[in-house]
Amino acid sequence: MKLLGRKVLLTIPKRPESVIELSPEVEKQLEGDMIKQWSKLEVFKTSADTEAVKEGDFIYVSSNVLMNAERITIDEEVKMLINEYDISIVW
């Protein structure tokens, strides 16, 4: 897999499984609440043009960006795709 442009793929923290089956609307609301708490996300992969971060770095991205980020499934795991310029902090 090769990312083009200044793109960054992020690993999404896993949400604890619920024993109760939730509706899609409730699932989406819970994800939105979780996103607001994510302050340190791991960089899964970067494009060759990305300069500010590398794979394995931990970063902060505003919750507004994360809520609108594209989700991509890679090896049965969902990743978030953002632009490099959306990164606010590299830990």
N, C-alpha and C. Protein backbone atom coordinates (compact mmCIF):
# COMPACT_ATOMS: atom_id res chain seq x y z
N MET A 1 0.84 -1.17 0.00
CA MET A 1 0.00 0.00 0.00
C MET A 1 0.88 1.24 0.00
N LYS A 2 0.52 2.20 -0.81
CA LYS A 2 1.29 3.44 -0.92
C LYS A 2 0.32 4.61 -0.81
N LEU A 3 0.55 5.49 0.18
CA LEU A 3 -0.27 6.69 0.33
C LEU A 3 0.30 7.79 -0.55
N LEU A 4 -0.56 8.58 -1.16
CA LEU A 4 -0.13 9.68 -2.01
C LEU A 4 -0.46 11.01 -1.34
N GLY A 5 0.23 12.06 -1.73
CA GLY A 5 0.01 13.37 -1.12
C GLY A 5 0.59 13.41 0.28
N ARG A 6 0.13 14.33 1.08
CA ARG A 6 0.59 14.45 2.47
C ARG A 6 -0.47 13.85 3.39
N LYS A 7 -0.61 12.54 3.31
CA LYS A 7 -1.64 11.82 4.05
C LYS A 7 -1.04 11.01 5.19
N VAL A 8 -1.87 10.82 6.22
CA VAL A 8 -1.46 10.06 7.40
C VAL A 8 -2.61 9.12 7.77
N LEU A 9 -2.30 7.84 8.00
CA LEU A 9 -3.27 6.87 8.48
C LEU A 9 -3.06 6.71 9.98
N LEU A 10 -4.16 6.77 10.74
CA LEU A 10 -4.09 6.65 12.19
C LEU A 10 -4.73 5.35 12.66
N THR A 11 -4.16 4.78 13.71
CA THR A 11 -4.74 3.62 14.37
C THR A 11 -5.80 4.13 15.33
N ILE A 12 -6.99 3.57 15.25
CA ILE A 12 -8.10 3.98 16.11
C ILE A 12 -8.10 3.12 17.37
N PRO A 13 -8.14 3.73 18.55
CA PRO A 13 -8.23 2.93 19.78
C PRO A 13 -9.49 2.06 19.76
N LYS A 14 -9.36 0.85 20.25
CA LYS A 14 -10.49 -0.07 20.25
C LYS A 14 -11.46 0.30 21.36
N ARG A 15 -12.75 0.24 21.02
CA ARG A 15 -13.81 0.49 21.99
C ARG A 15 -14.13 -0.83 22.66
N PRO A 16 -14.31 -0.83 23.98
CA PRO A 16 -14.68 -2.08 24.65
C PRO A 16 -15.99 -2.64 24.07
N GLU A 17 -16.03 -3.93 23.89
CA GLU A 17 -17.23 -4.58 23.35
C GLU A 17 -18.36 -4.48 24.36
N SER A 18 -19.55 -4.28 23.85
CA SER A 18 -20.73 -4.20 24.70
C SER A 18 -21.50 -5.51 24.62
N VAL A 19 -22.03 -5.96 25.75
CA VAL A 19 -22.85 -7.17 25.75
C VAL A 19 -24.25 -6.85 25.25
N ILE A 20 -24.57 -5.57 25.20
CA ILE A 20 -25.87 -5.12 24.71
C ILE A 20 -25.73 -4.73 23.24
N GLU A 21 -26.65 -5.19 22.41
CA GLU A 21 -26.62 -4.81 21.00
C GLU A 21 -27.14 -3.38 20.87
N LEU A 22 -26.32 -2.54 20.23
CA LEU A 22 -26.66 -1.13 20.09
C LEU A 22 -27.13 -0.82 18.67
N SER A 23 -28.02 0.14 18.56
CA SER A 23 -28.49 0.57 17.24
C SER A 23 -27.37 1.34 16.55
N PRO A 24 -27.40 1.44 15.23
CA PRO A 24 -26.37 2.21 14.52
C PRO A 24 -26.29 3.67 14.98
N GLU A 25 -27.43 4.26 15.33
CA GLU A 25 -27.44 5.64 15.80
C GLU A 25 -26.70 5.78 17.12
N VAL A 26 -26.94 4.83 18.04
CA VAL A 26 -26.26 4.86 19.35
C VAL A 26 -24.77 4.59 19.17
N GLU A 27 -24.42 3.66 18.29
CA GLU A 27 -23.01 3.37 18.00
C GLU A 27 -22.29 4.62 17.52
N LYS A 28 -22.93 5.37 16.62
CA LYS A 28 -22.33 6.59 16.08
C LYS A 28 -22.16 7.64 17.18
N GLN A 29 -23.15 7.77 18.06
CA GLN A 29 -23.07 8.72 19.16
C GLN A 29 -21.93 8.34 20.11
N LEU A 30 -21.79 7.05 20.42
CA LEU A 30 -20.71 6.60 21.30
C LEU A 30 -19.34 6.87 20.67
N GLU A 31 -19.22 6.65 19.37
CA GLU A 31 -17.96 6.92 18.69
C GLU A 31 -17.63 8.41 18.77
N GLY A 32 -18.63 9.27 18.57
CA GLY A 32 -18.42 10.71 18.68
C GLY A 32 -17.95 11.11 20.07
N ASP A 33 -18.52 10.49 21.10
CA ASP A 33 -18.11 10.77 22.48
C ASP A 33 -16.68 10.29 22.72
N MET A 34 -16.33 9.12 22.16
CA MET A 34 -14.97 8.59 22.32
C MET A 34 -13.95 9.49 21.63
N ILE A 35 -14.28 9.97 20.44
CA ILE A 35 -13.36 10.81 19.68
C ILE A 35 -12.94 12.04 20.49
N LYS A 36 -13.87 12.60 21.23
CA LYS A 36 -13.57 13.79 22.04
C LYS A 36 -12.52 13.50 23.11
N GLN A 37 -12.34 12.24 23.48
CA GLN A 37 -11.38 11.86 24.52
C GLN A 37 -10.02 11.44 23.96
N TRP A 38 -9.91 11.28 22.64
CA TRP A 38 -8.66 10.82 22.04
C TRP A 38 -7.68 11.98 21.95
N SER A 39 -6.64 11.94 22.76
CA SER A 39 -5.64 13.02 22.71
C SER A 39 -4.29 12.52 22.21
N LYS A 40 -4.11 11.21 22.13
CA LYS A 40 -2.85 10.63 21.67
C LYS A 40 -3.16 9.46 20.75
N LEU A 41 -3.04 9.69 19.45
CA LEU A 41 -3.31 8.65 18.47
C LEU A 41 -2.01 8.23 17.79
N GLU A 42 -1.89 6.94 17.52
CA GLU A 42 -0.67 6.42 16.90
C GLU A 42 -0.75 6.51 15.38
N VAL A 43 0.36 6.94 14.78
CA VAL A 43 0.46 7.00 13.32
C VAL A 43 0.74 5.59 12.81
N PHE A 44 -0.15 5.08 11.97
CA PHE A 44 -0.01 3.74 11.39
C PHE A 44 0.88 3.76 10.16
N LYS A 45 0.64 4.73 9.27
CA LYS A 45 1.40 4.83 8.03
C LYS A 45 1.35 6.27 7.53
N THR A 46 2.42 6.67 6.84
CA THR A 46 2.47 8.01 6.25
C THR A 46 2.85 7.89 4.77
N SER A 47 2.54 8.95 4.04
CA SER A 47 2.96 9.00 2.63
C SER A 47 4.43 9.41 2.57
N ALA A 48 5.04 9.22 1.42
CA ALA A 48 6.44 9.60 1.23
C ALA A 48 6.64 11.11 1.36
N ASP A 49 5.60 11.88 1.06
CA ASP A 49 5.70 13.34 1.12
C ASP A 49 5.53 13.91 2.52
N THR A 50 5.07 13.12 3.47
CA THR A 50 4.83 13.60 4.83
C THR A 50 6.16 13.86 5.53
N GLU A 51 6.29 15.04 6.11
CA GLU A 51 7.55 15.42 6.75
C GLU A 51 7.48 15.53 8.27
N ALA A 52 6.31 15.86 8.81
CA ALA A 52 6.20 16.18 10.24
C ALA A 52 6.18 14.96 11.15
N VAL A 53 5.70 13.83 10.65
CA VAL A 53 5.56 12.63 11.48
C VAL A 53 6.03 11.40 10.73
N LYS A 54 6.25 10.33 11.51
CA LYS A 54 6.62 9.05 10.92
C LYS A 54 5.80 7.95 11.59
N GLU A 55 5.81 6.78 11.01
CA GLU A 55 5.08 5.65 11.57
C GLU A 55 5.51 5.40 13.01
N GLY A 56 4.52 5.18 13.89
CA GLY A 56 4.80 4.92 15.29
C GLY A 56 4.76 6.17 16.17
N ASP A 57 4.79 7.37 15.57
CA ASP A 57 4.66 8.60 16.35
C ASP A 57 3.27 8.68 16.95
N PHE A 58 3.15 9.45 18.04
CA PHE A 58 1.85 9.73 18.64
C PHE A 58 1.54 11.19 18.41
N ILE A 59 0.29 11.46 18.03
CA ILE A 59 -0.08 12.82 17.64
C ILE A 59 -1.42 13.21 18.27
N TYR A 60 -1.68 14.52 18.25
CA TYR A 60 -2.99 15.05 18.62
C TYR A 60 -3.60 15.71 17.39
N VAL A 61 -4.87 15.39 17.16
CA VAL A 61 -5.64 15.99 16.07
C VAL A 61 -6.98 16.41 16.69
N SER A 62 -7.49 17.58 16.31
CA SER A 62 -8.73 18.06 16.91
C SER A 62 -9.88 17.08 16.64
N SER A 63 -10.82 17.06 17.57
CA SER A 63 -11.95 16.14 17.44
C SER A 63 -12.80 16.46 16.22
N ASN A 64 -12.86 17.72 15.81
CA ASN A 64 -13.63 18.08 14.60
C ASN A 64 -13.06 17.39 13.37
N VAL A 65 -11.74 17.35 13.26
CA VAL A 65 -11.09 16.69 12.13
C VAL A 65 -11.37 15.19 12.19
N LEU A 66 -11.25 14.60 13.38
CA LEU A 66 -11.45 13.16 13.52
C LEU A 66 -12.88 12.75 13.19
N MET A 67 -13.85 13.56 13.57
CA MET A 67 -15.25 13.22 13.30
C MET A 67 -15.54 13.18 11.80
N ASN A 68 -14.78 13.96 11.03
CA ASN A 68 -14.99 14.02 9.59
C ASN A 68 -13.97 13.22 8.79
N ALA A 69 -13.04 12.56 9.48
CA ALA A 69 -11.98 11.81 8.79
C ALA A 69 -12.57 10.59 8.07
N GLU A 70 -11.97 10.28 6.95
CA GLU A 70 -12.37 9.10 6.19
C GLU A 70 -11.90 7.85 6.92
N ARG A 71 -12.74 6.84 6.98
CA ARG A 71 -12.39 5.56 7.59
C ARG A 71 -12.09 4.54 6.50
N ILE A 72 -11.00 3.80 6.69
CA ILE A 72 -10.57 2.79 5.72
C ILE A 72 -10.28 1.50 6.47
N THR A 73 -10.76 0.39 5.95
CA THR A 73 -10.50 -0.90 6.57
C THR A 73 -9.25 -1.52 5.93
N ILE A 74 -8.26 -1.83 6.78
CA ILE A 74 -7.01 -2.45 6.34
C ILE A 74 -6.78 -3.68 7.22
N ASP A 75 -6.69 -4.84 6.62
CA ASP A 75 -6.50 -6.09 7.36
C ASP A 75 -7.51 -6.23 8.49
N GLU A 76 -8.77 -5.94 8.18
CA GLU A 76 -9.89 -6.06 9.10
C GLU A 76 -9.84 -5.08 10.28
N GLU A 77 -9.01 -4.06 10.20
CA GLU A 77 -8.96 -3.01 11.21
C GLU A 77 -9.29 -1.68 10.55
N VAL A 78 -10.11 -0.89 11.21
CA VAL A 78 -10.49 0.41 10.67
C VAL A 78 -9.42 1.44 11.04
N LYS A 79 -8.97 2.20 10.05
CA LYS A 79 -8.00 3.27 10.23
C LYS A 79 -8.63 4.58 9.82
N MET A 80 -8.09 5.70 10.30
CA MET A 80 -8.57 7.02 9.91
C MET A 80 -7.53 7.68 9.02
N LEU A 81 -7.99 8.29 7.94
CA LEU A 81 -7.11 8.97 7.00
C LEU A 81 -7.27 10.48 7.18
N ILE A 82 -6.15 11.16 7.48
CA ILE A 82 -6.17 12.61 7.66
C ILE A 82 -5.06 13.24 6.81
N ASN A 83 -5.11 14.55 6.69
CA ASN A 83 -4.05 15.29 6.02
C ASN A 83 -2.98 15.66 7.05
N GLU A 84 -1.75 15.75 6.61
CA GLU A 84 -0.64 16.09 7.52
C GLU A 84 -0.89 17.43 8.21
N TYR A 85 -1.44 18.39 7.49
CA TYR A 85 -1.63 19.72 8.07
C TYR A 85 -2.72 19.76 9.16
N ASP A 86 -3.47 18.67 9.34
CA ASP A 86 -4.48 18.59 10.41
C ASP A 86 -3.86 18.26 11.76
N ILE A 87 -2.61 17.85 11.78
CA ILE A 87 -1.94 17.48 13.02
C ILE A 87 -1.55 18.73 13.80
N SER A 88 -1.94 18.77 15.08
CA SER A 88 -1.64 19.93 15.93
C SER A 88 -0.42 19.70 16.81
N ILE A 89 -0.26 18.49 17.33
CA ILE A 89 0.83 18.19 18.26
C ILE A 89 1.44 16.84 17.92
N VAL A 90 2.76 16.76 17.97
CA VAL A 90 3.47 15.48 17.89
C VAL A 90 4.08 15.27 19.27
N TRP A 91 3.67 14.18 19.94
CA TRP A 91 4.15 13.92 21.31
C TRP A 91 5.54 13.36 21.29
